[in-house]
Amino acid sequence: MSTASHLYLVTDNDVIYEQDILRNPANIRAWLDYASFKRQTGSLLDQAFVLERACNALPRSYKLWKLYLELRVSHLRNRN
C-alpha cells in the first residue's frame, strides 16, 4: 500500500497523531496511540494503513508487527 496514494485515509481527526509521527517517526508510543485510535474509530483499511506505515517506520518492533498480524488474521477469520 503506497502512502501517497492513500492519503485520503488521513482525516481531520488524525492530524494530531500525524504531527506526532512527523516530529518523531521512531516513537513507538506515537504509533501505538495512533493504532489504538484507529482501532476504535477506523475501518479495516484505516487500521491497516496506519499499522503498515508503523511497521515500515519501525521494522524491528515486535509490538507493531503483532498488532498488524492480529488485524490481518482476524479479518481472514471473519471471512470464513
PDB file of N, CA and C in Angstrom:
ATOM      1  N   MET A   1       0.847  -1.166   0.000  1.00  0.00           N
ATOM      2  CA  MET A   1       0.000   0.000   0.000  1.00  0.00           C
ATOM      3  C   MET A   1       0.894   1.231   0.000  1.00  0.00           C
ATOM      4  N   SER A   2       0.850   2.003  -1.027  1.00  0.00           N
ATOM      5  CA  SER A   2       1.647   3.214  -1.145  1.00  0.00           C
ATOM      6  C   SER A   2       1.041   4.329  -0.297  1.00  0.00           C
ATOM      7  N   THR A   3       1.876   4.994   0.472  1.00  0.00           N
ATOM      8  CA  THR A   3       1.388   6.050   1.358  1.00  0.00           C
ATOM      9  C   THR A   3       0.782   7.201   0.573  1.00  0.00           C
ATOM     10  N   ALA A   4       1.457   7.634  -0.477  1.00  0.00           N
ATOM     11  CA  ALA A   4       0.983   8.785  -1.238  1.00  0.00           C
ATOM     12  C   ALA A   4      -0.389   8.545  -1.850  1.00  0.00           C
ATOM     13  N   SER A   5      -0.643   7.355  -2.321  1.00  0.00           N
ATOM     14  CA  SER A   5      -1.921   7.084  -2.972  1.00  0.00           C
ATOM     15  C   SER A   5      -3.052   6.858  -1.983  1.00  0.00           C
ATOM     16  N   HIS A   6      -2.751   6.776  -0.703  1.00  0.00           N
ATOM     17  CA  HIS A   6      -3.777   6.524   0.306  1.00  0.00           C
ATOM     18  C   HIS A   6      -3.908   7.668   1.315  1.00  0.00           C
ATOM     19  N   LEU A   7      -3.443   8.848   0.951  1.00  0.00           N
ATOM     20  CA  LEU A   7      -3.532   9.973   1.874  1.00  0.00           C
ATOM     21  C   LEU A   7      -4.968  10.391   2.149  1.00  0.00           C
ATOM     22  N   TYR A   8      -5.893   9.988   1.301  1.00  0.00           N
ATOM     23  CA  TYR A   8      -7.303  10.303   1.554  1.00  0.00           C
ATOM     24  C   TYR A   8      -7.796   9.628   2.834  1.00  0.00           C
ATOM     25  N   LEU A   9      -7.059   8.657   3.338  1.00  0.00           N
ATOM     26  CA  LEU A   9      -7.433   7.979   4.577  1.00  0.00           C
ATOM     27  C   LEU A   9      -7.126   8.821   5.818  1.00  0.00           C
ATOM     28  N   VAL A  10      -6.328   9.862   5.657  1.00  0.00           N
ATOM     29  CA  VAL A  10      -5.987  10.736   6.781  1.00  0.00           C
ATOM     30  C   VAL A  10      -7.079  11.796   6.906  1.00  0.00           C
ATOM     31  N   THR A  11      -7.747  11.796   8.051  1.00  0.00           N
ATOM     32  CA  THR A  11      -8.849  12.735   8.283  1.00  0.00           C
ATOM     33  C   THR A  11      -8.408  13.852   9.223  1.00  0.00           C
ATOM     34  N   ASP A  12      -9.295  14.805   9.425  1.00  0.00           N
ATOM     35  CA  ASP A  12      -9.005  15.902  10.353  1.00  0.00           C
ATOM     36  C   ASP A  12      -8.732  15.384  11.761  1.00  0.00           C
ATOM     37  N   ASN A  13      -9.402  14.312  12.140  1.00  0.00           N
ATOM     38  CA  ASN A  13      -9.205  13.737  13.473  1.00  0.00           C
ATOM     39  C   ASN A  13      -7.836  13.085  13.631  1.00  0.00           C
ATOM     40  N   ASP A  14      -7.171  12.800  12.531  1.00  0.00           N
ATOM     41  CA  ASP A  14      -5.864  12.138  12.559  1.00  0.00           C
ATOM     42  C   ASP A  14      -4.696  13.117  12.672  1.00  0.00           C
ATOM     43  N   VAL A  15      -4.967  14.398  12.496  1.00  0.00           N
ATOM     44  CA  VAL A  15      -3.888  15.380  12.384  1.00  0.00           C
ATOM     45  C   VAL A  15      -2.962  15.360  13.595  1.00  0.00           C
ATOM     46  N   ILE A  16      -3.501  15.277  14.783  1.00  0.00           N
ATOM     47  CA  ILE A  16      -2.652  15.284  15.983  1.00  0.00           C
ATOM     48  C   ILE A  16      -1.700  14.087  15.993  1.00  0.00           C
ATOM     49  N   TYR A  17      -2.192  12.925  15.558  1.00  0.00           N
ATOM     50  CA  TYR A  17      -1.344  11.729  15.505  1.00  0.00           C
ATOM     51  C   TYR A  17      -0.306  11.860  14.396  1.00  0.00           C
ATOM     52  N   GLU A  18      -0.719  12.384  13.255  1.00  0.00           N
ATOM     53  CA  GLU A  18       0.208  12.570  12.138  1.00  0.00           C
ATOM     54  C   GLU A  18       1.321  13.545  12.517  1.00  0.00           C
ATOM     55  N   GLN A  19       0.983  14.598  13.250  1.00  0.00           N
ATOM     56  CA  GLN A  19       2.001  15.559  13.676  1.00  0.00           C
ATOM     57  C   GLN A  19       3.005  14.910  14.629  1.00  0.00           C
ATOM     58  N   ASP A  20       2.515  14.093  15.549  1.00  0.00           N
ATOM     59  CA  ASP A  20       3.422  13.377  16.458  1.00  0.00           C
ATOM     60  C   ASP A  20       4.390  12.498  15.680  1.00  0.00           C
ATOM     61  N   ILE A  21       3.872  11.802  14.687  1.00  0.00           N
ATOM     62  CA  ILE A  21       4.697  10.887  13.896  1.00  0.00           C
ATOM     63  C   ILE A  21       5.692  11.648  13.026  1.00  0.00           C
ATOM     64  N   LEU A  22       5.264  12.783  12.483  1.00  0.00           N
ATOM     65  CA  LEU A  22       6.187  13.593  11.685  1.00  0.00           C
ATOM     66  C   LEU A  22       7.335  14.124  12.542  1.00  0.00           C
ATOM     67  N   ARG A  23       7.028  14.500  13.779  1.00  0.00           N
ATOM     68  CA  ARG A  23       8.078  15.002  14.672  1.00  0.00           C
ATOM     69  C   ARG A  23       9.087  13.921  15.027  1.00  0.00           C
ATOM     70  N   ASN A  24       8.582  12.704  15.238  1.00  0.00           N
ATOM     71  CA  ASN A  24       9.485  11.621  15.633  1.00  0.00           C
ATOM     72  C   ASN A  24       8.934  10.286  15.134  1.00  0.00           C
ATOM     73  N   PRO A  25       9.264   9.911  13.908  1.00  0.00           N
ATOM     74  CA  PRO A  25       8.726   8.661  13.348  1.00  0.00           C
ATOM     75  C   PRO A  25       9.217   7.402  14.057  1.00  0.00           C
ATOM     76  N   ALA A  26      10.254   7.519  14.876  1.00  0.00           N
ATOM     77  CA  ALA A  26      10.775   6.353  15.594  1.00  0.00           C
ATOM     78  C   ALA A  26      10.144   6.191  16.978  1.00  0.00           C
ATOM     79  N   ASN A  27       9.153   7.009  17.291  1.00  0.00           N
ATOM     80  CA  ASN A  27       8.484   6.946  18.592  1.00  0.00           C
ATOM     81  C   ASN A  27       7.382   5.888  18.555  1.00  0.00           C
ATOM     82  N   ILE A  28       7.656   4.747  19.149  1.00  0.00           N
ATOM     83  CA  ILE A  28       6.693   3.642  19.112  1.00  0.00           C
ATOM     84  C   ILE A  28       5.392   4.010  19.821  1.00  0.00           C
ATOM     85  N   ARG A  29       5.478   4.803  20.894  1.00  0.00           N
ATOM     86  CA  ARG A  29       4.267   5.193  21.632  1.00  0.00           C
ATOM     87  C   ARG A  29       3.320   5.984  20.725  1.00  0.00           C
ATOM     88  N   ALA A  30       3.856   6.863  19.884  1.00  0.00           N
ATOM     89  CA  ALA A  30       3.012   7.638  18.967  1.00  0.00           C
ATOM     90  C   ALA A  30       2.290   6.713  17.992  1.00  0.00           C
ATOM     91  N   TRP A  31       2.991   5.720  17.475  1.00  0.00           N
ATOM     92  CA  TRP A  31       2.372   4.766  16.548  1.00  0.00           C
ATOM     93  C   TRP A  31       1.327   3.915  17.256  1.00  0.00           C
ATOM     94  N   LEU A  32       1.627   3.468  18.471  1.00  0.00           N
ATOM     95  CA  LEU A  32       0.668   2.650  19.220  1.00  0.00           C
ATOM     96  C   LEU A  32      -0.592   3.446  19.562  1.00  0.00           C
ATOM     97  N   ASP A  33      -0.420   4.712  19.922  1.00  0.00           N
ATOM     98  CA  ASP A  33      -1.586   5.562  20.202  1.00  0.00           C
ATOM     99  C   ASP A  33      -2.437   5.754  18.953  1.00  0.00           C
ATOM    100  N   TYR A  34      -1.786   5.978  17.830  1.00  0.00           N
ATOM    101  CA  TYR A  34      -2.492   6.162  16.556  1.00  0.00           C
ATOM    102  C   TYR A  34      -3.230   4.876  16.180  1.00  0.00           C
ATOM    103  N   ALA A  35      -2.574   3.748  16.324  1.00  0.00           N
ATOM    104  CA  ALA A  35      -3.206   2.460  16.011  1.00  0.00           C
ATOM    105  C   ALA A  35      -4.405   2.212  16.924  1.00  0.00           C
ATOM    106  N   SER A  36      -4.278   2.563  18.180  1.00  0.00           N
ATOM    107  CA  SER A  36      -5.384   2.397  19.125  1.00  0.00           C
ATOM    108  C   SER A  36      -6.564   3.286  18.738  1.00  0.00           C
ATOM    109  N   PHE A  37      -6.278   4.511  18.365  1.00  0.00           N
ATOM    110  CA  PHE A  37      -7.325   5.430  17.913  1.00  0.00           C
ATOM    111  C   PHE A  37      -8.042   4.860  16.694  1.00  0.00           C
ATOM    112  N   LYS A  38      -7.281   4.346  15.735  1.00  0.00           N
ATOM    113  CA  LYS A  38      -7.887   3.789  14.520  1.00  0.00           C
ATOM    114  C   LYS A  38      -8.658   2.510  14.820  1.00  0.00           C
ATOM    115  N   ARG A  39      -8.223   1.746  15.796  1.00  0.00           N
ATOM    116  CA  ARG A  39      -8.944   0.534  16.183  1.00  0.00           C
ATOM    117  C   ARG A  39     -10.337   0.902  16.694  1.00  0.00           C
ATOM    118  N   GLN A  40     -10.433   2.024  17.386  1.00  0.00           N
ATOM    119  CA  GLN A  40     -11.708   2.464  17.947  1.00  0.00           C
ATOM    120  C   GLN A  40     -12.589   3.171  16.925  1.00  0.00           C
ATOM    121  N   THR A  41     -11.987   3.871  15.979  1.00  0.00           N
ATOM    122  CA  THR A  41     -12.771   4.743  15.097  1.00  0.00           C
ATOM    123  C   THR A  41     -12.686   4.410  13.616  1.00  0.00           C
ATOM    124  N   GLY A  42     -11.710   3.611  13.215  1.00  0.00           N
ATOM    125  CA  GLY A  42     -11.455   3.444  11.791  1.00  0.00           C
ATOM    126  C   GLY A  42     -11.928   2.126  11.220  1.00  0.00           C
ATOM    127  N   SER A  43     -11.940   2.086   9.919  1.00  0.00           N
ATOM    128  CA  SER A  43     -12.266   0.863   9.184  1.00  0.00           C
ATOM    129  C   SER A  43     -11.043  -0.053   9.152  1.00  0.00           C
ATOM    130  N   LEU A  44     -11.234  -1.231   8.604  1.00  0.00           N
ATOM    131  CA  LEU A  44     -10.114  -2.160   8.431  1.00  0.00           C
ATOM    132  C   LEU A  44      -9.017  -1.513   7.590  1.00  0.00           C
ATOM    133  N   LEU A  45      -9.401  -0.834   6.532  1.00  0.00           N
ATOM    134  CA  LEU A  45      -8.425  -0.173   5.666  1.00  0.00           C
ATOM    135  C   LEU A  45      -7.673   0.919   6.426  1.00  0.00           C
ATOM    136  N   ASP A  46      -8.385   1.698   7.226  1.00  0.00           N
ATOM    137  CA  ASP A  46      -7.736   2.737   8.038  1.00  0.00           C
ATOM    138  C   ASP A  46      -6.708   2.125   8.987  1.00  0.00           C
ATOM    139  N   GLN A  47      -7.106   1.056   9.651  1.00  0.00           N
ATOM    140  CA  GLN A  47      -6.215   0.396  10.608  1.00  0.00           C
ATOM    141  C   GLN A  47      -4.988  -0.178   9.909  1.00  0.00           C
ATOM    142  N   ALA A  48      -5.199  -0.838   8.787  1.00  0.00           N
ATOM    143  CA  ALA A  48      -4.080  -1.422   8.042  1.00  0.00           C
ATOM    144  C   ALA A  48      -3.135  -0.333   7.542  1.00  0.00           C
ATOM    145  N   PHE A  49      -3.694   0.781   7.089  1.00  0.00           N
ATOM    146  CA  PHE A  49      -2.893   1.898   6.596  1.00  0.00           C
ATOM    147  C   PHE A  49      -1.919   2.383   7.675  1.00  0.00           C
ATOM    148  N   VAL A  50      -2.422   2.579   8.885  1.00  0.00           N
ATOM    149  CA  VAL A  50      -1.577   3.062   9.980  1.00  0.00           C
ATOM    150  C   VAL A  50      -0.558   2.005  10.387  1.00  0.00           C
ATOM    151  N   LEU A  51      -1.002   0.768  10.546  1.00  0.00           N
ATOM    152  CA  LEU A  51      -0.084  -0.276  11.015  1.00  0.00           C
ATOM    153  C   LEU A  51       0.979  -0.626   9.977  1.00  0.00           C
ATOM    154  N   GLU A  52       0.645  -0.586   8.701  1.00  0.00           N
ATOM    155  CA  GLU A  52       1.664  -0.836   7.674  1.00  0.00           C
ATOM    156  C   GLU A  52       2.715   0.259   7.689  1.00  0.00           C
ATOM    157  N   ARG A  53       2.281   1.496   7.841  1.00  0.00           N
ATOM    158  CA  ARG A  53       3.236   2.600   7.929  1.00  0.00           C
ATOM    159  C   ARG A  53       4.100   2.464   9.179  1.00  0.00           C
ATOM    160  N   ALA A  54       3.481   2.059  10.279  1.00  0.00           N
ATOM    161  CA  ALA A  54       4.228   1.888  11.530  1.00  0.00           C
ATOM    162  C   ALA A  54       5.288   0.801  11.386  1.00  0.00           C
ATOM    163  N   CYS A  55       4.914  -0.311  10.775  1.00  0.00           N
ATOM    164  CA  CYS A  55       5.871  -1.415  10.585  1.00  0.00           C
ATOM    165  C   CYS A  55       6.997  -1.020   9.640  1.00  0.00           C
ATOM    166  N   ASN A  56       6.701  -0.174   8.668  1.00  0.00           N
ATOM    167  CA  ASN A  56       7.757   0.325   7.782  1.00  0.00           C
ATOM    168  C   ASN A  56       8.691   1.276   8.522  1.00  0.00           C
ATOM    169  N   ALA A  57       8.134   2.095   9.398  1.00  0.00           N
ATOM    170  CA  ALA A  57       8.949   3.053  10.147  1.00  0.00           C
ATOM    171  C   ALA A  57       9.795   2.363  11.212  1.00  0.00           C
ATOM    172  N   LEU A  58       9.232   1.318  11.824  1.00  0.00           N
ATOM    173  CA  LEU A  58       9.921   0.602  12.906  1.00  0.00           C
ATOM    174  C   LEU A  58       9.878  -0.900  12.631  1.00  0.00           C
ATOM    175  N   PRO A  59      10.639  -1.358  11.644  1.00  0.00           N
ATOM    176  CA  PRO A  59      10.530  -2.759  11.222  1.00  0.00           C
ATOM    177  C   PRO A  59      10.960  -3.786  12.270  1.00  0.00           C
ATOM    178  N   ARG A  60      11.644  -3.364  13.312  1.00  0.00           N
ATOM    179  CA  ARG A  60      12.085  -4.320  14.339  1.00  0.00           C
ATOM    180  C   ARG A  60      11.173  -4.339  15.562  1.00  0.00           C
ATOM    181  N   SER A  61      10.059  -3.630  15.487  1.00  0.00           N
ATOM    182  CA  SER A  61       9.138  -3.570  16.625  1.00  0.00           C
ATOM    183  C   SER A  61       8.185  -4.762  16.603  1.00  0.00           C
ATOM    184  N   TYR A  62       8.380  -5.677  17.540  1.00  0.00           N
ATOM    185  CA  TYR A  62       7.501  -6.849  17.602  1.00  0.00           C
ATOM    186  C   TYR A  62       6.077  -6.443  17.967  1.00  0.00           C
ATOM    187  N   LYS A  63       5.911  -5.387  18.779  1.00  0.00           N
ATOM    188  CA  LYS A  63       4.571  -4.949  19.174  1.00  0.00           C
ATOM    189  C   LYS A  63       3.761  -4.506  17.960  1.00  0.00           C
ATOM    190  N   LEU A  64       4.381  -3.716  17.096  1.00  0.00           N
ATOM    191  CA  LEU A  64       3.672  -3.241  15.906  1.00  0.00           C
ATOM    192  C   LEU A  64       3.364  -4.383  14.952  1.00  0.00           C
ATOM    193  N   TRP A  65       4.327  -5.264  14.740  1.00  0.00           N
ATOM    194  CA  TRP A  65       4.096  -6.410  13.859  1.00  0.00           C
ATOM    195  C   TRP A  65       3.010  -7.316  14.421  1.00  0.00           C
ATOM    196  N   LYS A  66       3.017  -7.507  15.724  1.00  0.00           N
ATOM    197  CA  LYS A  66       1.997  -8.355  16.352  1.00  0.00           C
ATOM    198  C   LYS A  66       0.606  -7.760  16.137  1.00  0.00           C
ATOM    199  N   LEU A  67       0.469  -6.454  16.351  1.00  0.00           N
ATOM    200  CA  LEU A  67      -0.824  -5.794  16.117  1.00  0.00           C
ATOM    201  C   LEU A  67      -1.261  -5.932  14.661  1.00  0.00           C
ATOM    202  N   TYR A  68      -0.315  -5.718  13.753  1.00  0.00           N
ATOM    203  CA  TYR A  68      -0.636  -5.798  12.327  1.00  0.00           C
ATOM    204  C   TYR A  68      -1.071  -7.212  11.934  1.00  0.00           C
ATOM    205  N   LEU A  69      -0.327  -8.197  12.380  1.00  0.00           N
ATOM    206  CA  LEU A  69      -0.667  -9.581  12.031  1.00  0.00           C
ATOM    207  C   LEU A  69      -1.977 -10.016  12.674  1.00  0.00           C
ATOM    208  N   GLU A  70      -2.231  -9.582  13.902  1.00  0.00           N
ATOM    209  CA  GLU A  70      -3.514  -9.896  14.542  1.00  0.00           C
ATOM    210  C   GLU A  70      -4.680  -9.281  13.766  1.00  0.00           C
ATOM    211  N   LEU A  71      -4.496  -8.062  13.282  1.00  0.00           N
ATOM    212  CA  LEU A  71      -5.532  -7.410  12.475  1.00  0.00           C
ATOM    213  C   LEU A  71      -5.820  -8.224  11.223  1.00  0.00           C
ATOM    214  N   ARG A  72      -4.774  -8.624  10.531  1.00  0.00           N
ATOM    215  CA  ARG A  72      -4.947  -9.385   9.292  1.00  0.00           C
ATOM    216  C   ARG A  72      -5.558 -10.758   9.550  1.00  0.00           C
ATOM    217  N   VAL A  73      -5.107 -11.444  10.574  1.00  0.00           N
ATOM    218  CA  VAL A  73      -5.640 -12.772  10.894  1.00  0.00           C
ATOM    219  C   VAL A  73      -7.111 -12.672  11.280  1.00  0.00           C
ATOM    220  N   SER A  74      -7.466 -11.678  12.097  1.00  0.00           N
ATOM    221  CA  SER A  74      -8.875 -11.550  12.500  1.00  0.00           C
ATOM    222  C   SER A  74      -9.753 -11.235  11.298  1.00  0.00           C
ATOM    223  N   HIS A  75      -9.246 -10.459  10.369  1.00  0.00           N
ATOM    224  CA  HIS A  75     -10.006 -10.164   9.149  1.00  0.00           C
ATOM    225  C   HIS A  75     -10.240 -11.440   8.344  1.00  0.00           C
ATOM    226  N   LEU A  76      -9.218 -12.262   8.229  1.00  0.00           N
ATOM    227  CA  LEU A  76      -9.369 -13.510   7.473  1.00  0.00           C
ATOM    228  C   LEU A  76     -10.292 -14.491   8.184  1.00  0.00           C
ATOM    229  N   ARG A  77     -10.228 -14.538   9.496  1.00  0.00           N
ATOM    230  CA  ARG A  77     -11.130 -15.425  10.247  1.00  0.00           C
ATOM    231  C   ARG A  77     -12.582 -15.024  10.038  1.00  0.00           C
ATOM    232  N   ASN A  78     -12.845 -13.734   9.987  1.00  0.00           N
ATOM    233  CA  ASN A  78     -14.208 -13.244   9.801  1.00  0.00           C
ATOM    234  C   ASN A  78     -14.739 -13.523   8.402  1.00  0.00           C
ATOM    235  N   ARG A  79     -13.866 -13.780   7.470  1.00  0.00           N
ATOM    236  CA  ARG A  79     -14.293 -14.051   6.094  1.00  0.00           C
ATOM    237  C   ARG A  79     -14.740 -15.488   5.916  1.00  0.00           C
ATOM    238  N   ASN A  80     -14.336 -16.368   6.808  1.00  0.00           N
ATOM    239  CA  ASN A  80     -14.688 -17.792   6.677  1.00  0.00           C
ATOM    240  C   ASN A  80     -15.909 -18.148   7.471  1.00  0.00           C
TER     241      ASN A  80
END
